[in-house]
Amino acid sequence: MEQFHHGQHVRLRSRVHGTYLHADEDGHGVSLHHRRASMNAAWAVHLHQFQNAQYLLLHSAAYGRYLAATDAPAPLGHRGLRVEQRNYNHPEVDALVWQAILSESGEEVYLRHIGGRRLRANGRHWNTDASVDYADDLDNISRKMLWVVEDIPAREVAPPLPRPTGVSPPCPFLDLRELSSVLAKFALLGFFDLMMVLCDYGLQLPHLTLRSRLIMYVLPTVYGALLARGTFVFRGRSVFRLRKELARQLGVFVNVEVSDLFMCLPTQDGRLFPLVVDLPRSGQTLHIIVAVAGTPAQAALRYADVDA
């Protein structure tokens, strides 16, 4: 598995379609897109040695969730079984474990799940999804199971957090023609998904229409002891606003600027993963570990330079 190195970030590009494996914004799905310069297309590598074999775990640089093979059928029109994102503490650890097998040309890899199936790219222009499927004939494996591994260099500093949109009450009057056009395009979406789409279009919405989630946070000392912990309900997806709210919550414990707080998610191997994109569309509870600028925990954070 010489294409993978512990701690690096990579992109996985389908040899057949030229599209990249993406972590979907709902925090659950996995799909294929042409967007290369996206944190959703970046995956952090965890290598694990077990007995005489080396195994691979890939977690999304966007949401910190792991690429997992499931026992559920793939979506309609796809072969094999569903692939999705799963939390670091999911009880079915085997679902997260992969092996990379070099192709005969030496330019691509097959990603073989520990259960025996291989990661497969489906579709080019529609049904752009990924699944896992058995290779019935090892001498004639589908080229849709070939993946090119692209190394992503690291950034020296943290990327700027995206500025919030569509979260500030009171709600101004919307341009009805623009609103009608957007509603027509997304008429089949559920209520909360539609609210998120309108936010992405930059339309201001009342605060109460934004999906809420529970945030559970801890602030450790430089020695690993617990300095502060707490929970609160947060509305919306803005990581910029989340950091501001965390600073308010922690104000009685530490006297630092908002920009000196770094929000992190836990991983399987105990490392901290920096949260630098807006939160997934799902309202799933987030466990945040806060690192402060100038501490060893903050210095150890690694960021993917997806624009390189």
C-alpha atoms as a PDB file:
ATOM      1  CA  MET A   1       0.000   0.000   0.000  1.00  0.00           C
ATOM      2  CA  GLU A   2       2.794   2.370  -0.946  1.00  0.00           C
ATOM      3  CA  GLN A   3       0.290   4.934  -2.304  1.00  0.00           C
ATOM      4  CA  PHE A   4      -1.008   5.508   1.225  1.00  0.00           C
ATOM      5  CA  HIS A   5       0.918   6.980   4.145  1.00  0.00           C
ATOM      6  CA  HIS A   6      -0.361   7.386   7.669  1.00  0.00           C
ATOM      7  CA  GLY A   7      -1.641  10.902   8.290  1.00  0.00           C
ATOM      8  CA  GLN A   8      -1.642  12.073   4.662  1.00  0.00           C
ATOM      9  CA  HIS A   9      -4.664  13.334   2.735  1.00  0.00           C
ATOM     10  CA  VAL A  10      -5.613  11.820  -0.620  1.00  0.00           C
ATOM     11  CA  ARG A  11      -8.213  12.056  -3.357  1.00  0.00           C
ATOM     12  CA  LEU A  12      -9.657   8.921  -4.938  1.00  0.00           C
ATOM     13  CA  ARG A  13     -10.355   9.412  -8.644  1.00  0.00           C
ATOM     14  CA  SER A  14     -12.281   6.875 -10.686  1.00  0.00           C
ATOM     15  CA  ARG A  15     -10.072   5.618 -13.523  1.00  0.00           C
ATOM     16  CA  VAL A  16     -13.135   5.140 -15.754  1.00  0.00           C
ATOM     17  CA  HIS A  17     -15.184   8.259 -15.026  1.00  0.00           C
ATOM     18  CA  GLY A  18     -12.532  10.758 -13.917  1.00  0.00           C
ATOM     19  CA  THR A  19     -14.752  11.749 -10.992  1.00  0.00           C
ATOM     20  CA  TYR A  20     -13.746  11.966  -7.336  1.00  0.00           C
ATOM     21  CA  LEU A  21     -15.116  10.111  -4.337  1.00  0.00           C
ATOM     22  CA  HIS A  22     -16.976  12.696  -2.233  1.00  0.00           C
ATOM     23  CA  ALA A  23     -18.384  12.701   1.272  1.00  0.00           C
ATOM     24  CA  ASP A  24     -21.929  14.009   0.785  1.00  0.00           C
ATOM     25  CA  GLU A  25     -23.090  17.105   2.655  1.00  0.00           C
ATOM     26  CA  ASP A  26     -25.749  15.122   4.507  1.00  0.00           C
ATOM     27  CA  GLY A  27     -22.932  13.507   6.495  1.00  0.00           C
ATOM     28  CA  HIS A  28     -24.065  10.011   5.467  1.00  0.00           C
ATOM     29  CA  GLY A  29     -23.842   9.386   1.731  1.00  0.00           C
ATOM     30  CA  VAL A  30     -20.867   8.907  -0.582  1.00  0.00           C
ATOM     31  CA  SER A  31     -20.983   9.902  -4.246  1.00  0.00           C
ATOM     32  CA  LEU A  32     -18.871  10.872  -7.270  1.00  0.00           C
ATOM     33  CA  HIS A  33     -18.292  14.436  -8.475  1.00  0.00           C
ATOM     34  CA  HIS A  34     -15.961  16.314 -10.802  1.00  0.00           C
ATOM     35  CA  ARG A  35     -15.146  18.894  -8.100  1.00  0.00           C
ATOM     36  CA  ARG A  36     -11.495  18.396  -7.244  1.00  0.00           C
ATOM     37  CA  ALA A  37     -10.788  21.456  -5.072  1.00  0.00           C
ATOM     38  CA  SER A  38     -13.202  20.482  -2.325  1.00  0.00           C
ATOM     39  CA  MET A  39     -12.671  19.329   1.239  1.00  0.00           C
ATOM     40  CA  ASN A  40     -15.440  16.791   0.547  1.00  0.00           C
ATOM     41  CA  ALA A  41     -13.093  15.065  -1.944  1.00  0.00           C
ATOM     42  CA  ALA A  42     -10.241  14.800   0.580  1.00  0.00           C
ATOM     43  CA  TRP A  43      -9.755  11.696   2.730  1.00  0.00           C
ATOM     44  CA  ALA A  44      -7.301  11.313   5.606  1.00  0.00           C
ATOM     45  CA  VAL A  45      -5.372   8.042   5.788  1.00  0.00           C
ATOM     46  CA  HIS A  46      -5.095   5.822   8.863  1.00  0.00           C
ATOM     47  CA  LEU A  47      -2.891   2.728   8.488  1.00  0.00           C
ATOM     48  CA  HIS A  48      -3.180  -0.168  10.930  1.00  0.00           C
ATOM     49  CA  GLN A  49      -0.860  -3.162  11.141  1.00  0.00           C
ATOM     50  CA  PHE A  50      -2.560  -6.382  12.247  1.00  0.00           C
ATOM     51  CA  GLN A  51      -0.520  -9.578  12.356  1.00  0.00           C
ATOM     52  CA  ASN A  52       1.151  -9.756   8.910  1.00  0.00           C
ATOM     53  CA  ALA A  53      -1.256  -7.475   7.048  1.00  0.00           C
ATOM     54  CA  GLN A  54      -1.675  -3.731   6.807  1.00  0.00           C
ATOM     55  CA  TYR A  55      -5.158  -2.262   6.758  1.00  0.00           C
ATOM     56  CA  LEU A  56      -6.489   1.113   5.721  1.00  0.00           C
ATOM     57  CA  LEU A  57      -9.112   3.443   7.152  1.00  0.00           C
ATOM     58  CA  LEU A  58     -10.199   6.592   5.306  1.00  0.00           C
ATOM     59  CA  HIS A  59     -11.981   9.436   7.016  1.00  0.00           C
ATOM     60  CA  SER A  60     -13.484  12.489   5.385  1.00  0.00           C
ATOM     61  CA  ALA A  61     -11.522  15.723   5.716  1.00  0.00           C
ATOM     62  CA  ALA A  62     -14.880  17.502   5.597  1.00  0.00           C
ATOM     63  CA  TYR A  63     -16.860  15.801   8.367  1.00  0.00           C
ATOM     64  CA  GLY A  64     -14.433  13.397  10.029  1.00  0.00           C
ATOM     65  CA  ARG A  65     -16.580  10.350   9.290  1.00  0.00           C
ATOM     66  CA  TYR A  66     -15.173   7.101   7.921  1.00  0.00           C
ATOM     67  CA  LEU A  67     -15.700   5.444   4.555  1.00  0.00           C
ATOM     68  CA  ALA A  68     -17.686   2.306   5.362  1.00  0.00           C
ATOM     69  CA  ALA A  69     -19.126  -0.668   3.486  1.00  0.00           C
ATOM     70  CA  THR A  70     -22.546  -1.790   4.663  1.00  0.00           C
ATOM     71  CA  ASP A  71     -24.803  -4.813   4.270  1.00  0.00           C
ATOM     72  CA  ALA A  72     -27.622  -2.671   2.857  1.00  0.00           C
ATOM     73  CA  PRO A  73     -28.443  -2.887  -0.865  1.00  0.00           C
ATOM     74  CA  ALA A  74     -26.981  -0.167  -3.070  1.00  0.00           C
ATOM     75  CA  PRO A  75     -29.429   2.496  -4.341  1.00  0.00           C
ATOM     76  CA  LEU A  76     -31.729   1.564  -7.203  1.00  0.00           C
ATOM     77  CA  GLY A  77     -29.797   1.098 -10.439  1.00  0.00           C
ATOM     78  CA  HIS A  78     -26.493   0.249  -8.745  1.00  0.00           C
ATOM     79  CA  ARG A  79     -24.757  -3.067  -8.229  1.00  0.00           C
ATOM     80  CA  GLY A  80     -23.654  -4.448  -4.896  1.00  0.00           C
ATOM     81  CA  LEU A  81     -24.072  -2.938  -1.458  1.00  0.00           C
ATOM     82  CA  ARG A  82     -24.244   0.604  -0.138  1.00  0.00           C
ATOM     83  CA  VAL A  83     -21.202   2.663   0.873  1.00  0.00           C
ATOM     84  CA  GLU A  84     -21.635   5.430   3.439  1.00  0.00           C
ATOM     85  CA  GLN A  85     -19.950   7.631   6.039  1.00  0.00           C
ATOM     86  CA  ARG A  86     -19.896   6.380   9.626  1.00  0.00           C
ATOM     87  CA  ASN A  87     -18.808   7.836  12.956  1.00  0.00           C
ATOM     88  CA  TYR A  88     -15.458   7.001  14.531  1.00  0.00           C
ATOM     89  CA  ASN A  89     -17.241   5.229  17.418  1.00  0.00           C
ATOM     90  CA  HIS A  90     -19.590   3.095  15.307  1.00  0.00           C
ATOM     91  CA  PRO A  91     -19.841  -0.380  16.905  1.00  0.00           C
ATOM     92  CA  GLU A  92     -19.268  -2.210  13.586  1.00  0.00           C
ATOM     93  CA  VAL A  93     -15.567  -1.403  13.255  1.00  0.00           C
ATOM     94  CA  ASP A  94     -15.050  -3.992  10.490  1.00  0.00           C
ATOM     95  CA  ALA A  95     -17.210  -1.886   8.168  1.00  0.00           C
ATOM     96  CA  LEU A  96     -14.457   0.772   8.133  1.00  0.00           C
ATOM     97  CA  VAL A  97     -11.515  -1.482   7.227  1.00  0.00           C
ATOM     98  CA  TRP A  98     -10.028  -1.675   3.703  1.00  0.00           C
ATOM     99  CA  GLN A  99      -6.991  -3.012   1.880  1.00  0.00           C
ATOM    100  CA  ALA A 100      -5.365  -1.366  -1.144  1.00  0.00           C
ATOM    101  CA  ILE A 101      -4.325  -3.770  -3.918  1.00  0.00           C
ATOM    102  CA  LEU A 102      -2.071  -2.448  -6.661  1.00  0.00           C
ATOM    103  CA  SER A 103      -3.312  -2.910 -10.233  1.00  0.00           C
ATOM    104  CA  GLU A 104      -1.189  -4.680 -12.857  1.00  0.00           C
ATOM    105  CA  SER A 105      -0.180  -1.337 -14.380  1.00  0.00           C
ATOM    106  CA  GLY A 106       0.954  -0.060 -10.993  1.00  0.00           C
ATOM    107  CA  GLU A 107      -0.905   3.221 -11.594  1.00  0.00           C
ATOM    108  CA  GLU A 108      -4.148   2.471  -9.768  1.00  0.00           C
ATOM    109  CA  VAL A 109      -5.445   0.510  -6.805  1.00  0.00           C
ATOM    110  CA  TYR A 110      -8.411  -1.659  -5.988  1.00  0.00           C
ATOM    111  CA  LEU A 111      -9.906  -0.874  -2.596  1.00  0.00           C
ATOM    112  CA  ARG A 112     -10.934  -4.209  -1.142  1.00  0.00           C
ATOM    113  CA  HIS A 113     -13.172  -4.170   1.900  1.00  0.00           C
ATOM    114  CA  ILE A 114     -12.271  -6.628   4.644  1.00  0.00           C
ATOM    115  CA  GLY A 115     -15.499  -8.484   3.780  1.00  0.00           C
ATOM    116  CA  GLY A 116     -14.169  -9.286   0.292  1.00  0.00           C
ATOM    117  CA  ARG A 117     -16.008  -6.743  -1.856  1.00  0.00           C
ATOM    118  CA  ARG A 118     -14.319  -3.975  -3.831  1.00  0.00           C
ATOM    119  CA  LEU A 119     -15.186  -0.288  -4.023  1.00  0.00           C
ATOM    120  CA  ARG A 120     -16.926   0.446  -7.314  1.00  0.00           C
ATOM    121  CA  ALA A 121     -17.653   3.736  -9.132  1.00  0.00           C
ATOM    122  CA  ASN A 122     -21.152   3.864 -10.626  1.00  0.00           C
ATOM    123  CA  GLY A 123     -22.458   6.189 -13.326  1.00  0.00           C
ATOM    124  CA  ARG A 124     -20.873   9.137 -15.089  1.00  0.00           C
ATOM    125  CA  HIS A 125     -23.603  11.732 -15.619  1.00  0.00           C
ATOM    126  CA  TRP A 126     -26.386  10.378 -13.392  1.00  0.00           C
ATOM    127  CA  ASN A 127     -26.673   7.828 -10.589  1.00  0.00           C
ATOM    128  CA  THR A 128     -23.178   9.003  -9.651  1.00  0.00           C
ATOM    129  CA  ASP A 129     -22.718   6.865  -6.586  1.00  0.00           C
ATOM    130  CA  ALA A 130     -20.285   4.342  -5.145  1.00  0.00           C
ATOM    131  CA  SER A 131     -20.942   0.826  -3.906  1.00  0.00           C
ATOM    132  CA  VAL A 132     -19.061  -2.333  -2.981  1.00  0.00           C
ATOM    133  CA  ASP A 133     -19.384  -5.479  -5.075  1.00  0.00           C
ATOM    134  CA  TYR A 134     -17.707  -8.850  -5.448  1.00  0.00           C
ATOM    135  CA  ALA A 135     -15.295  -9.377  -8.332  1.00  0.00           C
ATOM    136  CA  ASP A 136     -16.652 -12.620  -9.776  1.00  0.00           C
ATOM    137  CA  ASP A 137     -13.759 -13.135 -12.186  1.00  0.00           C
ATOM    138  CA  LEU A 138     -10.385 -12.120 -10.732  1.00  0.00           C
ATOM    139  CA  ASP A 139      -8.870 -12.197 -14.225  1.00  0.00           C
ATOM    140  CA  ASN A 140     -11.474  -9.786 -15.563  1.00  0.00           C
ATOM    141  CA  ILE A 141     -12.196  -7.284 -12.789  1.00  0.00           C
ATOM    142  CA  SER A 142     -14.346  -4.319 -13.801  1.00  0.00           C
ATOM    143  CA  ARG A 143     -12.376  -1.147 -14.526  1.00  0.00           C
ATOM    144  CA  LYS A 144     -15.005   0.657 -12.462  1.00  0.00           C
ATOM    145  CA  MET A 145     -13.174  -0.757  -9.446  1.00  0.00           C
ATOM    146  CA  LEU A 146      -9.927   1.024 -10.359  1.00  0.00           C
ATOM    147  CA  TRP A 147      -8.997   4.144  -8.376  1.00  0.00           C
ATOM    148  CA  VAL A 148      -6.175   6.616  -8.905  1.00  0.00           C
ATOM    149  CA  VAL A 149      -4.734   7.874  -5.618  1.00  0.00           C
ATOM    150  CA  GLU A 150      -3.841  11.589  -5.700  1.00  0.00           C
ATOM    151  CA  ASP A 151      -1.724  12.932  -2.862  1.00  0.00           C
ATOM    152  CA  ILE A 152      -2.917  16.226  -1.334  1.00  0.00           C
ATOM    153  CA  PRO A 153      -0.180  18.403   0.182  1.00  0.00           C
ATOM    154  CA  ALA A 154      -0.630  19.873   3.638  1.00  0.00           C
ATOM    155  CA  ARG A 155      -1.313  23.522   4.373  1.00  0.00           C
ATOM    156  CA  GLU A 156       1.014  25.339   6.744  1.00  0.00           C
ATOM    157  CA  VAL A 157      -1.862  27.201   8.418  1.00  0.00           C
ATOM    158  CA  ALA A 158      -5.548  26.572   8.947  1.00  0.00           C
ATOM    159  CA  PRO A 159      -7.848  27.617   6.097  1.00  0.00           C
ATOM    160  CA  PRO A 160     -10.249  30.481   6.841  1.00  0.00           C
ATOM    161  CA  LEU A 161     -13.664  29.358   7.989  1.00  0.00           C
ATOM    162  CA  PRO A 162     -16.495  29.995   5.513  1.00  0.00           C
ATOM    163  CA  ARG A 163     -18.514  33.086   6.375  1.00  0.00           C
ATOM    164  CA  PRO A 164     -22.116  32.465   7.458  1.00  0.00           C
ATOM    165  CA  THR A 165     -25.032  33.027   5.100  1.00  0.00           C
ATOM    166  CA  GLY A 166     -28.768  33.014   5.620  1.00  0.00           C
ATOM    167  CA  VAL A 167     -28.809  32.930   9.417  1.00  0.00           C
ATOM    168  CA  SER A 168     -29.455  36.456  10.649  1.00  0.00           C
ATOM    169  CA  PRO A 169     -32.924  37.419  11.833  1.00  0.00           C
ATOM    170  CA  PRO A 170     -34.991  39.440  11.324  1.00  0.00           C
ATOM    171  CA  CYS A 171     -35.901  38.071   7.922  1.00  0.00           C
ATOM    172  CA  PRO A 172     -35.976  40.743   5.198  1.00  0.00           C
ATOM    173  CA  PHE A 173     -38.488  40.576   2.359  1.00  0.00           C
ATOM    174  CA  LEU A 174     -37.405  38.072  -0.258  1.00  0.00           C
ATOM    175  CA  ASP A 175     -37.480  38.750  -3.972  1.00  0.00           C
ATOM    176  CA  LEU A 176     -40.572  36.714  -4.882  1.00  0.00           C
ATOM    177  CA  ARG A 177     -39.430  35.988  -8.429  1.00  0.00           C
ATOM    178  CA  GLU A 178     -36.108  34.638  -7.161  1.00  0.00           C
ATOM    179  CA  LEU A 179     -37.824  32.649  -4.431  1.00  0.00           C
ATOM    180  CA  SER A 180     -40.321  31.127  -6.903  1.00  0.00           C
ATOM    181  CA  SER A 181     -37.490  30.077  -9.195  1.00  0.00           C
ATOM    182  CA  VAL A 182     -35.626  28.364  -6.369  1.00  0.00           C
ATOM    183  CA  LEU A 183     -38.760  26.648  -5.065  1.00  0.00           C
ATOM    184  CA  ALA A 184     -39.563  25.291  -8.530  1.00  0.00           C
ATOM    185  CA  LYS A 185     -36.101  23.730  -8.806  1.00  0.00           C
ATOM    186  CA  PHE A 186     -36.302  22.034  -5.426  1.00  0.00           C
ATOM    187  CA  ALA A 187     -40.014  21.284  -5.151  1.00  0.00           C
ATOM    188  CA  LEU A 188     -39.426  17.649  -4.182  1.00  0.00           C
ATOM    189  CA  LEU A 189     -37.168  18.373  -1.220  1.00  0.00           C
ATOM    190  CA  GLY A 190     -38.345  18.031   2.359  1.00  0.00           C
ATOM    191  CA  PHE A 191     -38.925  21.149   4.449  1.00  0.00           C
ATOM    192  CA  PHE A 192     -35.585  21.249   6.251  1.00  0.00           C
ATOM    193  CA  ASP A 193     -33.598  20.323   3.147  1.00  0.00           C
ATOM    194  CA  LEU A 194     -35.338  23.161   1.309  1.00  0.00           C
ATOM    195  CA  MET A 195     -34.440  25.571   4.108  1.00  0.00           C
ATOM    196  CA  MET A 196     -30.787  24.555   3.798  1.00  0.00           C
ATOM    197  CA  VAL A 197     -30.847  25.054   0.030  1.00  0.00           C
ATOM    198  CA  LEU A 198     -32.317  28.529   0.434  1.00  0.00           C
ATOM    199  CA  CYS A 199     -29.514  29.353   2.865  1.00  0.00           C
ATOM    200  CA  ASP A 200     -26.976  28.191   0.303  1.00  0.00           C
ATOM    201  CA  TYR A 201     -28.576  30.605  -2.182  1.00  0.00           C
ATOM    202  CA  GLY A 202     -27.831  33.394   0.283  1.00  0.00           C
ATOM    203  CA  LEU A 203     -31.475  34.058   1.204  1.00  0.00           C
ATOM    204  CA  GLN A 204     -31.975  35.217   4.778  1.00  0.00           C
ATOM    205  CA  LEU A 205     -34.214  32.942   6.834  1.00  0.00           C
ATOM    206  CA  PRO A 206     -35.606  33.275  10.346  1.00  0.00           C
ATOM    207  CA  HIS A 207     -33.328  31.651  12.916  1.00  0.00           C
ATOM    208  CA  LEU A 208     -36.001  29.182  14.036  1.00  0.00           C
ATOM    209  CA  THR A 209     -36.299  27.590  10.590  1.00  0.00           C
ATOM    210  CA  LEU A 210     -32.723  26.281  10.766  1.00  0.00           C
ATOM    211  CA  ARG A 211     -32.207  22.667  11.795  1.00  0.00           C
ATOM    212  CA  SER A 212     -30.903  22.243  15.329  1.00  0.00           C
ATOM    213  CA  ARG A 213     -28.394  19.756  16.712  1.00  0.00           C
ATOM    214  CA  LEU A 214     -26.796  19.015  20.043  1.00  0.00           C
ATOM    215  CA  ILE A 215     -23.181  20.096  20.506  1.00  0.00           C
ATOM    216  CA  MET A 216     -21.167  18.293  23.201  1.00  0.00           C
ATOM    217  CA  TYR A 217     -17.772  19.889  23.811  1.00  0.00           C
ATOM    218  CA  VAL A 218     -14.711  19.451  25.993  1.00  0.00           C
ATOM    219  CA  LEU A 219     -11.716  21.715  26.557  1.00  0.00           C
ATOM    220  CA  PRO A 220      -8.645  19.783  27.795  1.00  0.00           C
ATOM    221  CA  THR A 221      -5.568  21.315  29.392  1.00  0.00           C
ATOM    222  CA  VAL A 222      -2.128  20.929  27.793  1.00  0.00           C
ATOM    223  CA  TYR A 223      -1.619  17.951  30.142  1.00  0.00           C
ATOM    224  CA  GLY A 224      -4.780  16.178  29.017  1.00  0.00           C
ATOM    225  CA  ALA A 225      -6.897  16.933  32.077  1.00  0.00           C
ATOM    226  CA  LEU A 226     -10.412  18.245  31.581  1.00  0.00           C
ATOM    227  CA  LEU A 227     -10.703  22.023  31.966  1.00  0.00           C
ATOM    228  CA  ALA A 228     -14.292  22.443  30.792  1.00  0.00           C
ATOM    229  CA  ARG A 229     -17.146  20.509  29.260  1.00  0.00           C
ATOM    230  CA  GLY A 230     -20.729  21.236  28.311  1.00  0.00           C
ATOM    231  CA  THR A 231     -23.599  20.846  25.881  1.00  0.00           C
ATOM    232  CA  PHE A 232     -25.816  23.267  24.012  1.00  0.00           C
ATOM    233  CA  VAL A 233     -28.291  23.292  21.146  1.00  0.00           C
ATOM    234  CA  PHE A 234     -26.996  24.906  17.964  1.00  0.00           C
ATOM    235  CA  ARG A 235     -29.104  25.913  14.973  1.00  0.00           C
ATOM    236  CA  GLY A 236     -27.885  25.908  11.391  1.00  0.00           C
ATOM    237  CA  ARG A 237     -24.720  24.680   9.685  1.00  0.00           C
ATOM    238  CA  SER A 238     -22.326  27.621   9.989  1.00  0.00           C
ATOM    239  CA  VAL A 239     -18.972  26.541  11.413  1.00  0.00           C
ATOM    240  CA  PHE A 240     -18.115  30.246  11.753  1.00  0.00           C
ATOM    241  CA  ARG A 241     -21.094  30.807  14.060  1.00  0.00           C
ATOM    242  CA  LEU A 242     -20.372  27.583  15.937  1.00  0.00           C
ATOM    243  CA  ARG A 243     -16.878  28.779  16.853  1.00  0.00           C
ATOM    244  CA  LYS A 244     -18.320  32.090  18.050  1.00  0.00           C
ATOM    245  CA  GLU A 245     -20.856  30.290  20.239  1.00  0.00           C
ATOM    246  CA  LEU A 246     -18.166  27.999  21.667  1.00  0.00           C
ATOM    247  CA  ALA A 247     -16.098  31.064  22.557  1.00  0.00           C
ATOM    248  CA  ARG A 248     -19.099  32.454  24.419  1.00  0.00           C
ATOM    249  CA  GLN A 249     -19.652  29.163  26.244  1.00  0.00           C
ATOM    250  CA  LEU A 250     -15.971  28.940  27.226  1.00  0.00           C
ATOM    251  CA  GLY A 251     -15.583  32.596  28.186  1.00  0.00           C
ATOM    252  CA  VAL A 252     -15.631  31.848  31.917  1.00  0.00           C
ATOM    253  CA  PHE A 253     -12.807  29.303  31.577  1.00  0.00           C
ATOM    254  CA  VAL A 254     -10.359  30.839  29.106  1.00  0.00           C
ATOM    255  CA  ASN A 255      -9.658  34.390  28.003  1.00  0.00           C
ATOM    256  CA  VAL A 256      -8.797  34.020  24.322  1.00  0.00           C
ATOM    257  CA  GLU A 257      -9.878  35.543  21.046  1.00  0.00           C
ATOM    258  CA  VAL A 258     -12.485  33.681  19.007  1.00  0.00           C
ATOM    259  CA  SER A 259      -9.905  33.171  16.244  1.00  0.00           C
ATOM    260  CA  ASP A 260      -7.636  31.352  18.729  1.00  0.00           C
ATOM    261  CA  LEU A 261     -10.125  28.508  19.154  1.00  0.00           C
ATOM    262  CA  PHE A 262      -9.799  25.438  16.941  1.00  0.00           C
ATOM    263  CA  MET A 263     -12.698  22.992  16.770  1.00  0.00           C
ATOM    264  CA  CYS A 264     -11.756  19.335  16.404  1.00  0.00           C
ATOM    265  CA  LEU A 265     -13.509  15.993  16.026  1.00  0.00           C
ATOM    266  CA  PRO A 266     -12.209  12.694  17.479  1.00  0.00           C
ATOM    267  CA  THR A 267     -10.863   9.880  15.295  1.00  0.00           C
ATOM    268  CA  GLN A 268     -10.326   6.122  15.586  1.00  0.00           C
ATOM    269  CA  ASP A 269      -6.612   6.443  16.332  1.00  0.00           C
ATOM    270  CA  GLY A 270      -6.922   9.205  18.926  1.00  0.00           C
ATOM    271  CA  ARG A 271      -5.757  12.060  16.720  1.00  0.00           C
ATOM    272  CA  LEU A 272      -7.715  15.291  16.509  1.00  0.00           C
ATOM    273  CA  PHE A 273      -9.304  16.210  13.204  1.00  0.00           C
ATOM    274  CA  PRO A 274      -9.872  19.951  12.521  1.00  0.00           C
ATOM    275  CA  LEU A 275     -13.393  21.038  11.605  1.00  0.00           C
ATOM    276  CA  VAL A 276     -13.069  23.736   8.911  1.00  0.00           C
ATOM    277  CA  VAL A 277     -16.224  23.377   6.769  1.00  0.00           C
ATOM    278  CA  ASP A 278     -19.885  24.020   7.484  1.00  0.00           C
ATOM    279  CA  LEU A 279     -21.642  21.262   9.386  1.00  0.00           C
ATOM    280  CA  PRO A 280     -23.383  18.391   7.580  1.00  0.00           C
ATOM    281  CA  ARG A 281     -27.044  18.838   6.708  1.00  0.00           C
ATOM    282  CA  SER A 282     -28.129  16.127   9.145  1.00  0.00           C
ATOM    283  CA  GLY A 283     -28.932  17.203  12.674  1.00  0.00           C
ATOM    284  CA  GLN A 284     -26.653  14.581  14.197  1.00  0.00           C
ATOM    285  CA  THR A 285     -24.992  15.325  17.548  1.00  0.00           C
ATOM    286  CA  LEU A 286     -21.423  16.593  17.248  1.00  0.00           C
ATOM    287  CA  HIS A 287     -18.673  15.865  19.775  1.00  0.00           C
ATOM    288  CA  ILE A 288     -16.218  18.783  19.700  1.00  0.00           C
ATOM    289  CA  ILE A 289     -12.773  18.877  21.280  1.00  0.00           C
ATOM    290  CA  VAL A 290     -11.507  22.447  21.551  1.00  0.00           C
ATOM    291  CA  ALA A 291      -7.818  23.227  21.012  1.00  0.00           C
ATOM    292  CA  VAL A 292      -6.346  26.645  21.803  1.00  0.00           C
ATOM    293  CA  ALA A 293      -3.764  28.401  19.637  1.00  0.00           C
ATOM    294  CA  GLY A 294      -0.200  27.844  20.808  1.00  0.00           C
ATOM    295  CA  THR A 295      -0.860  24.501  22.516  1.00  0.00           C
ATOM    296  CA  PRO A 296       0.681  21.170  21.423  1.00  0.00           C
ATOM    297  CA  ALA A 297      -2.785  19.915  20.417  1.00  0.00           C
ATOM    298  CA  GLN A 298      -3.264  22.847  18.057  1.00  0.00           C
ATOM    299  CA  ALA A 299       0.267  22.538  16.655  1.00  0.00           C
ATOM    300  CA  ALA A 300      -0.358  18.872  15.783  1.00  0.00           C
ATOM    301  CA  LEU A 301      -3.391  19.613  13.585  1.00  0.00           C
ATOM    302  CA  ARG A 302      -2.996  18.908   9.866  1.00  0.00           C
ATOM    303  CA  TYR A 303      -4.937  20.554   7.045  1.00  0.00           C
ATOM    304  CA  ALA A 304      -5.406  19.439   3.447  1.00  0.00           C
ATOM    305  CA  ASP A 305      -4.511  22.023   0.792  1.00  0.00           C
ATOM    306  CA  VAL A 306      -7.365  21.104  -1.541  1.00  0.00           C
ATOM    307  CA  ASP A 307      -6.594  24.014  -3.894  1.00  0.00           C
ATOM    308  CA  ALA A 308      -3.125  22.665  -4.702  1.00  0.00           C
END
